[in-house]
């Protein structure tokens, strides 16, 4: 059974990396996986030498060969979680706005 881990509105779904996924270069020790649209408290993962980031058709993927942390700079918003070794598709939870009659990403 494939695992699923939620960190606030960010959802990590265990998967197989799609063929022809594009590697994303990152020169920081973290990668933003969910941007905060309201309070500036992004969801991040720690990046190690064995953490690889990919994109395919607008979807982000992480392949981590060792566990990495999922965290927010403001620790009072969400607890730090550990993302186990695997390959993960990153998704954002959805909500429906009945005033505009549109589906949208949940925002912090």
PDB file of N, CA and C in Angstrom:
ATOM      1  N   UNK A   1       0.840  -1.179   0.000  1.00  0.00           N
ATOM      2  CA  UNK A   1       0.000   0.000   0.000  1.00  0.00           C
ATOM      3  C   UNK A   1       0.887   1.245   0.000  1.00  0.00           C
ATOM      4  N   UNK A   2       0.571   2.177  -0.848  1.00  0.00           N
ATOM      5  CA  UNK A   2       1.339   3.408  -0.931  1.00  0.00           C
ATOM      6  C   UNK A   2       0.951   4.339   0.211  1.00  0.00           C
ATOM      7  N   UNK A   3       1.948   5.059   0.711  1.00  0.00           N
ATOM      8  CA  UNK A   3       1.723   5.955   1.846  1.00  0.00           C
ATOM      9  C   UNK A   3       1.307   7.345   1.374  1.00  0.00           C
ATOM     10  N   UNK A   4       0.652   8.067   2.291  1.00  0.00           N
ATOM     11  CA  UNK A   4       0.268   9.453   2.072  1.00  0.00           C
ATOM     12  C   UNK A   4       0.547  10.205   3.362  1.00  0.00           C
ATOM     13  N   UNK A   5       1.189  11.363   3.243  1.00  0.00           N
ATOM     14  CA  UNK A   5       1.523  12.176   4.414  1.00  0.00           C
ATOM     15  C   UNK A   5       1.025  13.587   4.152  1.00  0.00           C
ATOM     16  N   UNK A   6       0.287  14.152   5.116  1.00  0.00           N
ATOM     17  CA  UNK A   6      -0.186  15.526   5.004  1.00  0.00           C
ATOM     18  C   UNK A   6       0.637  16.420   5.919  1.00  0.00           C
ATOM     19  N   UNK A   7       0.962  17.595   5.433  1.00  0.00           N
ATOM     20  CA  UNK A   7       1.581  18.637   6.242  1.00  0.00           C
ATOM     21  C   UNK A   7       0.786  19.906   5.965  1.00  0.00           C
ATOM     22  N   UNK A   8      -0.230  20.150   6.810  1.00  0.00           N
ATOM     23  CA  UNK A   8      -1.164  21.227   6.514  1.00  0.00           C
ATOM     24  C   UNK A   8      -1.880  20.894   5.226  1.00  0.00           C
ATOM     25  N   UNK A   9      -1.905  21.849   4.297  1.00  0.00           N
ATOM     26  CA  UNK A   9      -2.591  21.628   3.020  1.00  0.00           C
ATOM     27  C   UNK A   9      -1.732  20.907   1.991  1.00  0.00           C
ATOM     28  N   UNK A  10      -0.451  20.670   2.303  1.00  0.00           N
ATOM     29  CA  UNK A  10       0.443  19.985   1.370  1.00  0.00           C
ATOM     30  C   UNK A  10       0.322  18.472   1.568  1.00  0.00           C
ATOM     31  N   UNK A  11       0.141  17.763   0.471  1.00  0.00           N
ATOM     32  CA  UNK A  11      -0.053  16.316   0.510  1.00  0.00           C
ATOM     33  C   UNK A  11       1.101  15.646  -0.236  1.00  0.00           C
ATOM     34  N   UNK A  12       1.764  14.703   0.416  1.00  0.00           N
ATOM     35  CA  UNK A  12       2.834  13.912  -0.189  1.00  0.00           C
ATOM     36  C   UNK A  12       2.274  12.518  -0.431  1.00  0.00           C
ATOM     37  N   UNK A  13       2.246  12.097  -1.710  1.00  0.00           N
ATOM     38  CA  UNK A  13       1.721  10.781  -2.065  1.00  0.00           C
ATOM     39  C   UNK A  13       2.851   9.943  -2.634  1.00  0.00           C
ATOM     40  N   UNK A  14       3.094   8.805  -2.019  1.00  0.00           N
ATOM     41  CA  UNK A  14       4.147   7.917  -2.491  1.00  0.00           C
ATOM     42  C   UNK A  14       3.817   7.456  -3.903  1.00  0.00           C
ATOM     43  N   UNK A  15       4.828   7.436  -4.767  1.00  0.00           N
ATOM     44  CA  UNK A  15       4.584   7.157  -6.177  1.00  0.00           C
ATOM     45  C   UNK A  15       5.850   6.629  -6.832  1.00  0.00           C
ATOM     46  N   UNK A  16       5.758   6.415  -8.124  1.00  0.00           N
ATOM     47  CA  UNK A  16       6.921   6.087  -8.953  1.00  0.00           C
ATOM     48  C   UNK A  16       7.197   7.312  -9.803  1.00  0.00           C
ATOM     49  N   UNK A  17       8.459   7.700  -9.909  1.00  0.00           N
ATOM     50  CA  UNK A  17       8.827   8.876 -10.681  1.00  0.00           C
ATOM     51  C   UNK A  17       8.464   8.667 -12.148  1.00  0.00           C
ATOM     52  N   UNK A  18       7.707   9.594 -12.745  1.00  0.00           N
ATOM     53  CA  UNK A  18       7.331   9.449 -14.154  1.00  0.00           C
ATOM     54  C   UNK A  18       8.555   9.533 -15.070  1.00  0.00           C
ATOM     55  N   UNK A  19       8.462   8.839 -16.177  1.00  0.00           N
ATOM     56  CA  UNK A  19       9.532   8.916 -17.177  1.00  0.00           C
ATOM     57  C   UNK A  19       9.600  10.338 -17.710  1.00  0.00           C
ATOM     58  N   UNK A  20      10.799  10.760 -18.045  1.00  0.00           N
ATOM     59  CA  UNK A  20      11.053  12.080 -18.623  1.00  0.00           C
ATOM     60  C   UNK A  20      10.728  13.231 -17.676  1.00  0.00           C
ATOM     61  N   UNK A  21      10.712  12.978 -16.359  1.00  0.00           N
ATOM     62  CA  UNK A  21      10.545  14.081 -15.409  1.00  0.00           C
ATOM     63  C   UNK A  21      11.805  14.942 -15.451  1.00  0.00           C
ATOM     64  N   UNK A  22      11.616  16.242 -15.356  1.00  0.00           N
ATOM     65  CA  UNK A  22      12.732  17.184 -15.428  1.00  0.00           C
ATOM     66  C   UNK A  22      13.320  17.426 -14.046  1.00  0.00           C
ATOM     67  N   UNK A  23      14.644  17.306 -13.940  1.00  0.00           N
ATOM     68  CA  UNK A  23      15.340  17.569 -12.691  1.00  0.00           C
ATOM     69  C   UNK A  23      15.321  19.071 -12.403  1.00  0.00           C
ATOM     70  N   UNK A  24      15.111  19.425 -11.145  1.00  0.00           N
ATOM     71  CA  UNK A  24      15.114  20.826 -10.716  1.00  0.00           C
ATOM     72  C   UNK A  24      16.370  21.060  -9.887  1.00  0.00           C
ATOM     73  N   UNK A  25      17.152  22.029 -10.278  1.00  0.00           N
ATOM     74  CA  UNK A  25      18.362  22.389  -9.531  1.00  0.00           C
ATOM     75  C   UNK A  25      17.960  23.244  -8.337  1.00  0.00           C
ATOM     76  N   UNK A  26      18.631  23.029  -7.222  1.00  0.00           N
ATOM     77  CA  UNK A  26      18.352  23.786  -6.008  1.00  0.00           C
ATOM     78  C   UNK A  26      19.673  24.041  -5.290  1.00  0.00           C
ATOM     79  N   UNK A  27      19.971  25.298  -4.998  1.00  0.00           N
ATOM     80  CA  UNK A  27      21.221  25.622  -4.331  1.00  0.00           C
ATOM     81  C   UNK A  27      21.029  26.010  -2.864  1.00  0.00           C
ATOM     82  N   UNK A  28      19.834  25.769  -2.337  1.00  0.00           N
ATOM     83  CA  UNK A  28      19.540  26.072  -0.936  1.00  0.00           C
ATOM     84  C   UNK A  28      19.495  24.767  -0.145  1.00  0.00           C
ATOM     85  N   UNK A  29      19.429  24.883   1.179  1.00  0.00           N
ATOM     86  CA  UNK A  29      19.317  23.692   2.016  1.00  0.00           C
ATOM     87  C   UNK A  29      17.859  23.319   2.281  1.00  0.00           C
ATOM     88  N   UNK A  30      16.940  23.971   1.578  1.00  0.00           N
ATOM     89  CA  UNK A  30      15.518  23.647   1.666  1.00  0.00           C
ATOM     90  C   UNK A  30      14.878  23.887   0.304  1.00  0.00           C
ATOM     91  N   UNK A  31      13.669  23.339   0.147  1.00  0.00           N
ATOM     92  CA  UNK A  31      12.893  23.566  -1.064  1.00  0.00           C
ATOM     93  C   UNK A  31      11.462  23.847  -0.642  1.00  0.00           C
ATOM     94  N   UNK A  32      10.863  24.898  -1.171  1.00  0.00           N
ATOM     95  CA  UNK A  32       9.477  25.243  -0.847  1.00  0.00           C
ATOM     96  C   UNK A  32       8.551  24.326  -1.636  1.00  0.00           C
ATOM     97  N   UNK A  33       7.704  23.576  -0.922  1.00  0.00           N
ATOM     98  CA  UNK A  33       6.765  22.658  -1.566  1.00  0.00           C
ATOM     99  C   UNK A  33       5.325  23.140  -1.484  1.00  0.00           C
ATOM    100  N   UNK A  34       5.105  24.177  -0.698  1.00  0.00           N
ATOM    101  CA  UNK A  34       3.783  24.776  -0.582  1.00  0.00           C
ATOM    102  C   UNK A  34       3.929  26.215  -0.144  1.00  0.00           C
ATOM    103  N   UNK A  35       3.581  27.132  -1.032  1.00  0.00           N
ATOM    104  CA  UNK A  35       3.726  28.544  -0.705  1.00  0.00           C
ATOM    105  C   UNK A  35       2.520  29.027   0.084  1.00  0.00           C
ATOM    106  N   UNK A  36       2.799  29.838   1.090  1.00  0.00           N
ATOM    107  CA  UNK A  36       1.733  30.420   1.886  1.00  0.00           C
ATOM    108  C   UNK A  36       1.223  31.659   1.177  1.00  0.00           C
ATOM    109  N   UNK A  37      -0.045  31.647   0.837  1.00  0.00           N
ATOM    110  CA  UNK A  37      -0.613  32.777   0.124  1.00  0.00           C
ATOM    111  C   UNK A  37      -1.056  33.910   1.029  1.00  0.00           C
ATOM    112  N   UNK A  38      -1.106  33.675   2.342  1.00  0.00           N
ATOM    113  CA  UNK A  38      -1.667  34.697   3.215  1.00  0.00           C
ATOM    114  C   UNK A  38      -0.720  35.172   4.312  1.00  0.00           C
ATOM    115  N   UNK A  39       0.022  34.264   4.950  1.00  0.00           N
ATOM    116  CA  UNK A  39       0.816  34.687   6.110  1.00  0.00           C
ATOM    117  C   UNK A  39       2.316  34.531   5.927  1.00  0.00           C
ATOM    118  N   UNK A  40       2.764  34.097   4.746  1.00  0.00           N
ATOM    119  CA  UNK A  40       4.201  34.008   4.483  1.00  0.00           C
ATOM    120  C   UNK A  40       4.912  32.881   5.198  1.00  0.00           C
ATOM    121  N   UNK A  41       4.197  31.831   5.559  1.00  0.00           N
ATOM    122  CA  UNK A  41       4.800  30.708   6.273  1.00  0.00           C
ATOM    123  C   UNK A  41       4.768  29.475   5.368  1.00  0.00           C
ATOM    124  N   UNK A  42       5.745  29.389   4.472  1.00  0.00           N
ATOM    125  CA  UNK A  42       5.796  28.317   3.485  1.00  0.00           C
ATOM    126  C   UNK A  42       6.012  26.948   4.121  1.00  0.00           C
ATOM    127  N   UNK A  43       5.618  25.913   3.375  1.00  0.00           N
ATOM    128  CA  UNK A  43       5.934  24.533   3.733  1.00  0.00           C
ATOM    129  C   UNK A  43       7.220  24.182   2.996  1.00  0.00           C
ATOM    130  N   UNK A  44       8.193  23.628   3.717  1.00  0.00           N
ATOM    131  CA  UNK A  44       9.510  23.349   3.140  1.00  0.00           C
ATOM    132  C   UNK A  44       9.945  21.931   3.466  1.00  0.00           C
ATOM    133  N   UNK A  45      10.846  21.408   2.625  1.00  0.00           N
ATOM    134  CA  UNK A  45      11.541  20.177   2.960  1.00  0.00           C
ATOM    135  C   UNK A  45      13.030  20.495   3.021  1.00  0.00           C
ATOM    136  N   UNK A  46      13.738  19.805   3.896  1.00  0.00           N
ATOM    137  CA  UNK A  46      15.185  19.954   3.923  1.00  0.00           C
ATOM    138  C   UNK A  46      15.753  19.248   2.702  1.00  0.00           C
ATOM    139  N   UNK A  47      16.794  19.804   2.123  1.00  0.00           N
ATOM    140  CA  UNK A  47      17.446  19.199   0.967  1.00  0.00           C
ATOM    141  C   UNK A  47      18.836  18.738   1.368  1.00  0.00           C
ATOM    142  N   UNK A  48      19.086  17.466   1.168  1.00  0.00           N
ATOM    143  CA  UNK A  48      20.388  16.867   1.420  1.00  0.00           C
ATOM    144  C   UNK A  48      20.996  16.476   0.088  1.00  0.00           C
ATOM    145  N   UNK A  49      22.209  15.969   0.126  1.00  0.00           N
ATOM    146  CA  UNK A  49      22.880  15.552  -1.115  1.00  0.00           C
ATOM    147  C   UNK A  49      22.106  14.447  -1.828  1.00  0.00           C
ATOM    148  N   UNK A  50      21.312  13.678  -1.090  1.00  0.00           N
ATOM    149  CA  UNK A  50      20.557  12.578  -1.700  1.00  0.00           C
ATOM    150  C   UNK A  50      19.058  12.886  -1.808  1.00  0.00           C
ATOM    151  N   UNK A  51      18.730  14.176  -1.896  1.00  0.00           N
ATOM    152  CA  UNK A  51      17.356  14.628  -2.118  1.00  0.00           C
ATOM    153  C   UNK A  51      17.276  15.216  -3.517  1.00  0.00           C
ATOM    154  N   UNK A  52      16.400  14.674  -4.345  1.00  0.00           N
ATOM    155  CA  UNK A  52      16.311  15.083  -5.747  1.00  0.00           C
ATOM    156  C   UNK A  52      14.913  15.594  -6.044  1.00  0.00           C
ATOM    157  N   UNK A  53      14.842  16.701  -6.742  1.00  0.00           N
ATOM    158  CA  UNK A  53      13.574  17.345  -7.059  1.00  0.00           C
ATOM    159  C   UNK A  53      13.321  17.238  -8.550  1.00  0.00           C
ATOM    160  N   UNK A  54      12.054  16.985  -8.906  1.00  0.00           N
ATOM    161  CA  UNK A  54      11.672  16.820 -10.304  1.00  0.00           C
ATOM    162  C   UNK A  54      10.337  17.509 -10.559  1.00  0.00           C
ATOM    163  N   UNK A  55      10.078  17.764 -11.844  1.00  0.00           N
ATOM    164  CA  UNK A  55       8.803  18.327 -12.272  1.00  0.00           C
ATOM    165  C   UNK A  55       8.400  17.654 -13.571  1.00  0.00           C
ATOM    166  N   UNK A  56       7.121  17.358 -13.688  1.00  0.00           N
ATOM    167  CA  UNK A  56       6.577  16.807 -14.935  1.00  0.00           C
ATOM    168  C   UNK A  56       5.145  17.297 -15.064  1.00  0.00           C
ATOM    169  N   UNK A  57       4.862  17.983 -16.157  1.00  0.00           N
ATOM    170  CA  UNK A  57       3.516  18.477 -16.447  1.00  0.00           C
ATOM    171  C   UNK A  57       2.934  19.315 -15.301  1.00  0.00           C
ATOM    172  N   UNK A  58       3.784  20.142 -14.686  1.00  0.00           N
ATOM    173  CA  UNK A  58       3.343  21.032 -13.614  1.00  0.00           C
ATOM    174  C   UNK A  58       3.236  20.385 -12.247  1.00  0.00           C
ATOM    175  N   UNK A  59       3.599  19.109 -12.121  1.00  0.00           N
ATOM    176  CA  UNK A  59       3.529  18.399 -10.848  1.00  0.00           C
ATOM    177  C   UNK A  59       4.952  18.240 -10.307  1.00  0.00           C
ATOM    178  N   UNK A  60       5.130  18.525  -9.008  1.00  0.00           N
ATOM    179  CA  UNK A  60       6.437  18.369  -8.360  1.00  0.00           C
ATOM    180  C   UNK A  60       6.573  16.979  -7.754  1.00  0.00           C
ATOM    181  N   UNK A  61       7.811  16.468  -7.788  1.00  0.00           N
ATOM    182  CA  UNK A  61       8.146  15.167  -7.205  1.00  0.00           C
ATOM    183  C   UNK A  61       9.431  15.313  -6.395  1.00  0.00           C
ATOM    184  N   UNK A  62       9.521  14.527  -5.341  1.00  0.00           N
ATOM    185  CA  UNK A  62      10.739  14.460  -4.534  1.00  0.00           C
ATOM    186  C   UNK A  62      11.161  13.012  -4.454  1.00  0.00           C
ATOM    187  N   UNK A  63      12.430  12.769  -4.713  1.00  0.00           N
ATOM    188  CA  UNK A  63      13.019  11.447  -4.487  1.00  0.00           C
ATOM    189  C   UNK A  63      14.068  11.659  -3.406  1.00  0.00           C
ATOM    190  N   UNK A  64      13.813  11.115  -2.237  1.00  0.00           N
ATOM    191  CA  UNK A  64      14.747  11.278  -1.126  1.00  0.00           C
ATOM    192  C   UNK A  64      15.278   9.908  -0.713  1.00  0.00           C
ATOM    193  N   UNK A  65      16.601   9.765  -0.813  1.00  0.00           N
ATOM    194  CA  UNK A  65      17.249   8.494  -0.478  1.00  0.00           C
ATOM    195  C   UNK A  65      17.566   8.365   1.001  1.00  0.00           C
ATOM    196  N   UNK A  66      17.208   9.366   1.775  1.00  0.00           N
ATOM    197  CA  UNK A  66      17.241   9.308   3.230  1.00  0.00           C
ATOM    198  C   UNK A  66      16.102  10.184   3.742  1.00  0.00           C
ATOM    199  N   UNK A  67      15.653   9.969   4.971  1.00  0.00           N
ATOM    200  CA  UNK A  67      14.541  10.775   5.486  1.00  0.00           C
ATOM    201  C   UNK A  67      14.889  12.269   5.500  1.00  0.00           C
ATOM    202  N   UNK A  68      13.886  13.100   5.219  1.00  0.00           N
ATOM    203  CA  UNK A  68      14.048  14.556   5.274  1.00  0.00           C
ATOM    204  C   UNK A  68      12.902  15.146   6.083  1.00  0.00           C
ATOM    205  N   UNK A  69      13.118  16.354   6.604  1.00  0.00           N
ATOM    206  CA  UNK A  69      12.090  17.030   7.387  1.00  0.00           C
ATOM    207  C   UNK A  69      11.172  17.849   6.490  1.00  0.00           C
ATOM    208  N   UNK A  70       9.894  17.856   6.843  1.00  0.00           N
ATOM    209  CA  UNK A  70       8.911  18.775   6.278  1.00  0.00           C
ATOM    210  C   UNK A  70       8.603  19.757   7.400  1.00  0.00           C
ATOM    211  N   UNK A  71       8.754  21.056   7.142  1.00  0.00           N
ATOM    212  CA  UNK A  71       8.595  22.028   8.219  1.00  0.00           C
ATOM    213  C   UNK A  71       8.115  23.369   7.684  1.00  0.00           C
ATOM    214  N   UNK A  72       7.724  24.239   8.609  1.00  0.00           N
ATOM    215  CA  UNK A  72       7.392  25.627   8.308  1.00  0.00           C
ATOM    216  C   UNK A  72       8.333  26.513   9.118  1.00  0.00           C
ATOM    217  N   UNK A  73       8.745  27.664   8.573  1.00  0.00           N
ATOM    218  CA  UNK A  73       9.605  28.574   9.346  1.00  0.00           C
ATOM    219  C   UNK A  73       8.973  28.980  10.680  1.00  0.00           C
ATOM    220  N   UNK A  74       7.663  29.200  10.698  1.00  0.00           N
ATOM    221  CA  UNK A  74       6.944  29.503  11.933  1.00  0.00           C
ATOM    222  C   UNK A  74       6.474  28.179  12.515  1.00  0.00           C
ATOM    223  N   UNK A  75       7.221  27.656  13.464  1.00  0.00           N
ATOM    224  CA  UNK A  75       6.947  26.328  14.005  1.00  0.00           C
ATOM    225  C   UNK A  75       5.615  26.230  14.740  1.00  0.00           C
ATOM    226  N   UNK A  76       5.002  27.371  15.075  1.00  0.00           N
ATOM    227  CA  UNK A  76       3.718  27.321  15.773  1.00  0.00           C
ATOM    228  C   UNK A  76       2.565  26.957  14.831  1.00  0.00           C
ATOM    229  N   UNK A  77       2.796  27.019  13.517  1.00  0.00           N
ATOM    230  CA  UNK A  77       1.746  26.728  12.544  1.00  0.00           C
ATOM    231  C   UNK A  77       1.559  25.232  12.303  1.00  0.00           C
ATOM    232  N   UNK A  78       2.673  24.508  12.129  1.00  0.00           N
ATOM    233  CA  UNK A  78       2.617  23.076  11.851  1.00  0.00           C
ATOM    234  C   UNK A  78       3.817  22.405  12.498  1.00  0.00           C
ATOM    235  N   UNK A  79       3.609  21.215  13.031  1.00  0.00           N
ATOM    236  CA  UNK A  79       4.720  20.433  13.572  1.00  0.00           C
ATOM    237  C   UNK A  79       5.622  19.985  12.440  1.00  0.00           C
ATOM    238  N   UNK A  80       6.898  19.807  12.745  1.00  0.00           N
ATOM    239  CA  UNK A  80       7.829  19.229  11.784  1.00  0.00           C
ATOM    240  C   UNK A  80       7.530  17.742  11.666  1.00  0.00           C
ATOM    241  N   UNK A  81       7.463  17.255  10.438  1.00  0.00           N
ATOM    242  CA  UNK A  81       7.221  15.838  10.157  1.00  0.00           C
ATOM    243  C   UNK A  81       8.428  15.282   9.420  1.00  0.00           C
ATOM    244  N   UNK A  82       8.596  13.982   9.464  1.00  0.00           N
ATOM    245  CA  UNK A  82       9.677  13.325   8.728  1.00  0.00           C
ATOM    246  C   UNK A  82       9.087  12.661   7.494  1.00  0.00           C
ATOM    247  N   UNK A  83       9.679  12.958   6.348  1.00  0.00           N
ATOM    248  CA  UNK A  83       9.276  12.325   5.095  1.00  0.00           C
ATOM    249  C   UNK A  83      10.187  11.118   4.891  1.00  0.00           C
ATOM    250  N   UNK A  84       9.651   9.895   5.000  1.00  0.00           N
ATOM    251  CA  UNK A  84      10.489   8.701   4.879  1.00  0.00           C
ATOM    252  C   UNK A  84      11.105   8.577   3.478  1.00  0.00           C
ATOM    253  N   UNK A  85      12.140   7.790   3.387  1.00  0.00           N
ATOM    254  CA  UNK A  85      12.823   7.524   2.129  1.00  0.00           C
ATOM    255  C   UNK A  85      11.848   6.933   1.115  1.00  0.00           C
ATOM    256  N   UNK A  86      11.740   7.578  -0.051  1.00  0.00           N
ATOM    257  CA  UNK A  86      10.872   7.088  -1.127  1.00  0.00           C
ATOM    258  C   UNK A  86      10.853   8.130  -2.242  1.00  0.00           C
ATOM    259  N   UNK A  87       9.887   7.986  -3.137  1.00  0.00           N
ATOM    260  CA  UNK A  87       9.590   8.993  -4.157  1.00  0.00           C
ATOM    261  C   UNK A  87       8.174   9.469  -3.897  1.00  0.00           C
ATOM    262  N   UNK A  88       7.984  10.796  -3.937  1.00  0.00           N
ATOM    263  CA  UNK A  88       6.723  11.395  -3.528  1.00  0.00           C
ATOM    264  C   UNK A  88       6.220  12.400  -4.565  1.00  0.00           C
ATOM    265  N   UNK A  89       4.944  12.361  -4.848  1.00  0.00           N
ATOM    266  CA  UNK A  89       4.273  13.395  -5.627  1.00  0.00           C
ATOM    267  C   UNK A  89       3.742  14.421  -4.635  1.00  0.00           C
ATOM    268  N   UNK A  90       3.895  15.701  -4.968  1.00  0.00           N
ATOM    269  CA  UNK A  90       3.436  16.768  -4.079  1.00  0.00           C
ATOM    270  C   UNK A  90       2.151  17.361  -4.647  1.00  0.00           C
ATOM    271  N   UNK A  91       1.149  17.457  -3.796  1.00  0.00           N
ATOM    272  CA  UNK A  91      -0.140  17.997  -4.201  1.00  0.00           C
ATOM    273  C   UNK A  91      -0.599  18.984  -3.131  1.00  0.00           C
ATOM    274  N   UNK A  92      -1.549  19.824  -3.467  1.00  0.00           N
ATOM    275  CA  UNK A  92      -2.128  20.785  -2.529  1.00  0.00           C
ATOM    276  C   UNK A  92      -3.608  20.452  -2.382  1.00  0.00           C
ATOM    277  N   UNK A  93      -4.075  20.404  -1.127  1.00  0.00           N
ATOM    278  CA  UNK A  93      -5.487  20.133  -0.869  1.00  0.00           C
ATOM    279  C   UNK A  93      -6.349  21.178  -1.565  1.00  0.00           C
ATOM    280  N   UNK A  94      -7.536  20.769  -1.968  1.00  0.00           N
ATOM    281  CA  UNK A  94      -8.462  21.629  -2.698  1.00  0.00           C
ATOM    282  C   UNK A  94      -9.664  21.999  -1.823  1.00  0.00           C
ATOM    283  N   UNK A  95     -10.229  23.158  -2.110  1.00  0.00           N
ATOM    284  CA  UNK A  95     -11.474  23.585  -1.469  1.00  0.00           C
ATOM    285  C   UNK A  95     -12.355  24.232  -2.529  1.00  0.00           C
ATOM    286  N   UNK A  96     -13.650  24.297  -2.238  1.00  0.00           N
ATOM    287  CA  UNK A  96     -14.578  24.914  -3.184  1.00  0.00           C
ATOM    288  C   UNK A  96     -15.080  26.219  -2.595  1.00  0.00           C
ATOM    289  N   UNK A  97     -14.962  27.305  -3.353  1.00  0.00           N
ATOM    290  CA  UNK A  97     -15.438  28.621  -2.948  1.00  0.00           C
ATOM    291  C   UNK A  97     -16.834  28.808  -3.542  1.00  0.00           C
ATOM    292  N   UNK A  98     -17.836  28.795  -2.682  1.00  0.00           N
ATOM    293  CA  UNK A  98     -19.217  28.889  -3.152  1.00  0.00           C
ATOM    294  C   UNK A  98     -19.595  30.306  -3.593  1.00  0.00           C
ATOM    295  N   UNK A  99     -18.815  31.309  -3.193  1.00  0.00           N
ATOM    296  CA  UNK A  99     -19.096  32.670  -3.654  1.00  0.00           C
ATOM    297  C   UNK A  99     -18.689  32.848  -5.112  1.00  0.00           C
ATOM    298  N   UNK A 100     -17.524  32.300  -5.466  1.00  0.00           N
ATOM    299  CA  UNK A 100     -17.045  32.414  -6.847  1.00  0.00           C
ATOM    300  C   UNK A 100     -17.380  31.189  -7.684  1.00  0.00           C
ATOM    301  N   UNK A 101     -17.856  30.129  -7.001  1.00  0.00           N
ATOM    302  CA  UNK A 101     -18.184  28.856  -7.648  1.00  0.00           C
ATOM    303  C   UNK A 101     -16.971  28.260  -8.355  1.00  0.00           C
ATOM    304  N   UNK A 102     -15.829  28.313  -7.676  1.00  0.00           N
ATOM    305  CA  UNK A 102     -14.592  27.778  -8.225  1.00  0.00           C
ATOM    306  C   UNK A 102     -13.876  26.914  -7.208  1.00  0.00           C
ATOM    307  N   UNK A 103     -13.192  25.909  -7.734  1.00  0.00           N
ATOM    308  CA  UNK A 103     -12.319  25.101  -6.886  1.00  0.00           C
ATOM    309  C   UNK A 103     -10.947  25.761  -6.880  1.00  0.00           C
ATOM    310  N   UNK A 104     -10.271  25.706  -5.722  1.00  0.00           N
ATOM    311  CA  UNK A 104      -8.952  26.343  -5.609  1.00  0.00           C
ATOM    312  C   UNK A 104      -8.105  25.598  -4.577  1.00  0.00           C
ATOM    313  N   UNK A 105      -6.801  25.911  -4.586  1.00  0.00           N
ATOM    314  CA  UNK A 105      -5.899  25.354  -3.584  1.00  0.00           C
ATOM    315  C   UNK A 105      -6.241  25.933  -2.220  1.00  0.00           C
ATOM    316  N   UNK A 106      -6.169  25.099  -1.196  1.00  0.00           N
ATOM    317  CA  UNK A 106      -6.288  25.589   0.176  1.00  0.00           C
ATOM    318  C   UNK A 106      -5.068  26.458   0.434  1.00  0.00           C
ATOM    319  N   UNK A 107      -5.278  27.598   1.097  1.00  0.00           N
ATOM    320  CA  UNK A 107      -4.178  28.537   1.367  1.00  0.00           C
ATOM    321  C   UNK A 107      -4.051  28.749   2.863  1.00  0.00           C
ATOM    322  N   UNK A 108      -2.797  28.821   3.315  1.00  0.00           N
ATOM    323  CA  UNK A 108      -2.491  29.163   4.711  1.00  0.00           C
ATOM    324  C   UNK A 108      -2.705  30.635   4.926  1.00  0.00           C
TER     325      UNK A 108
END
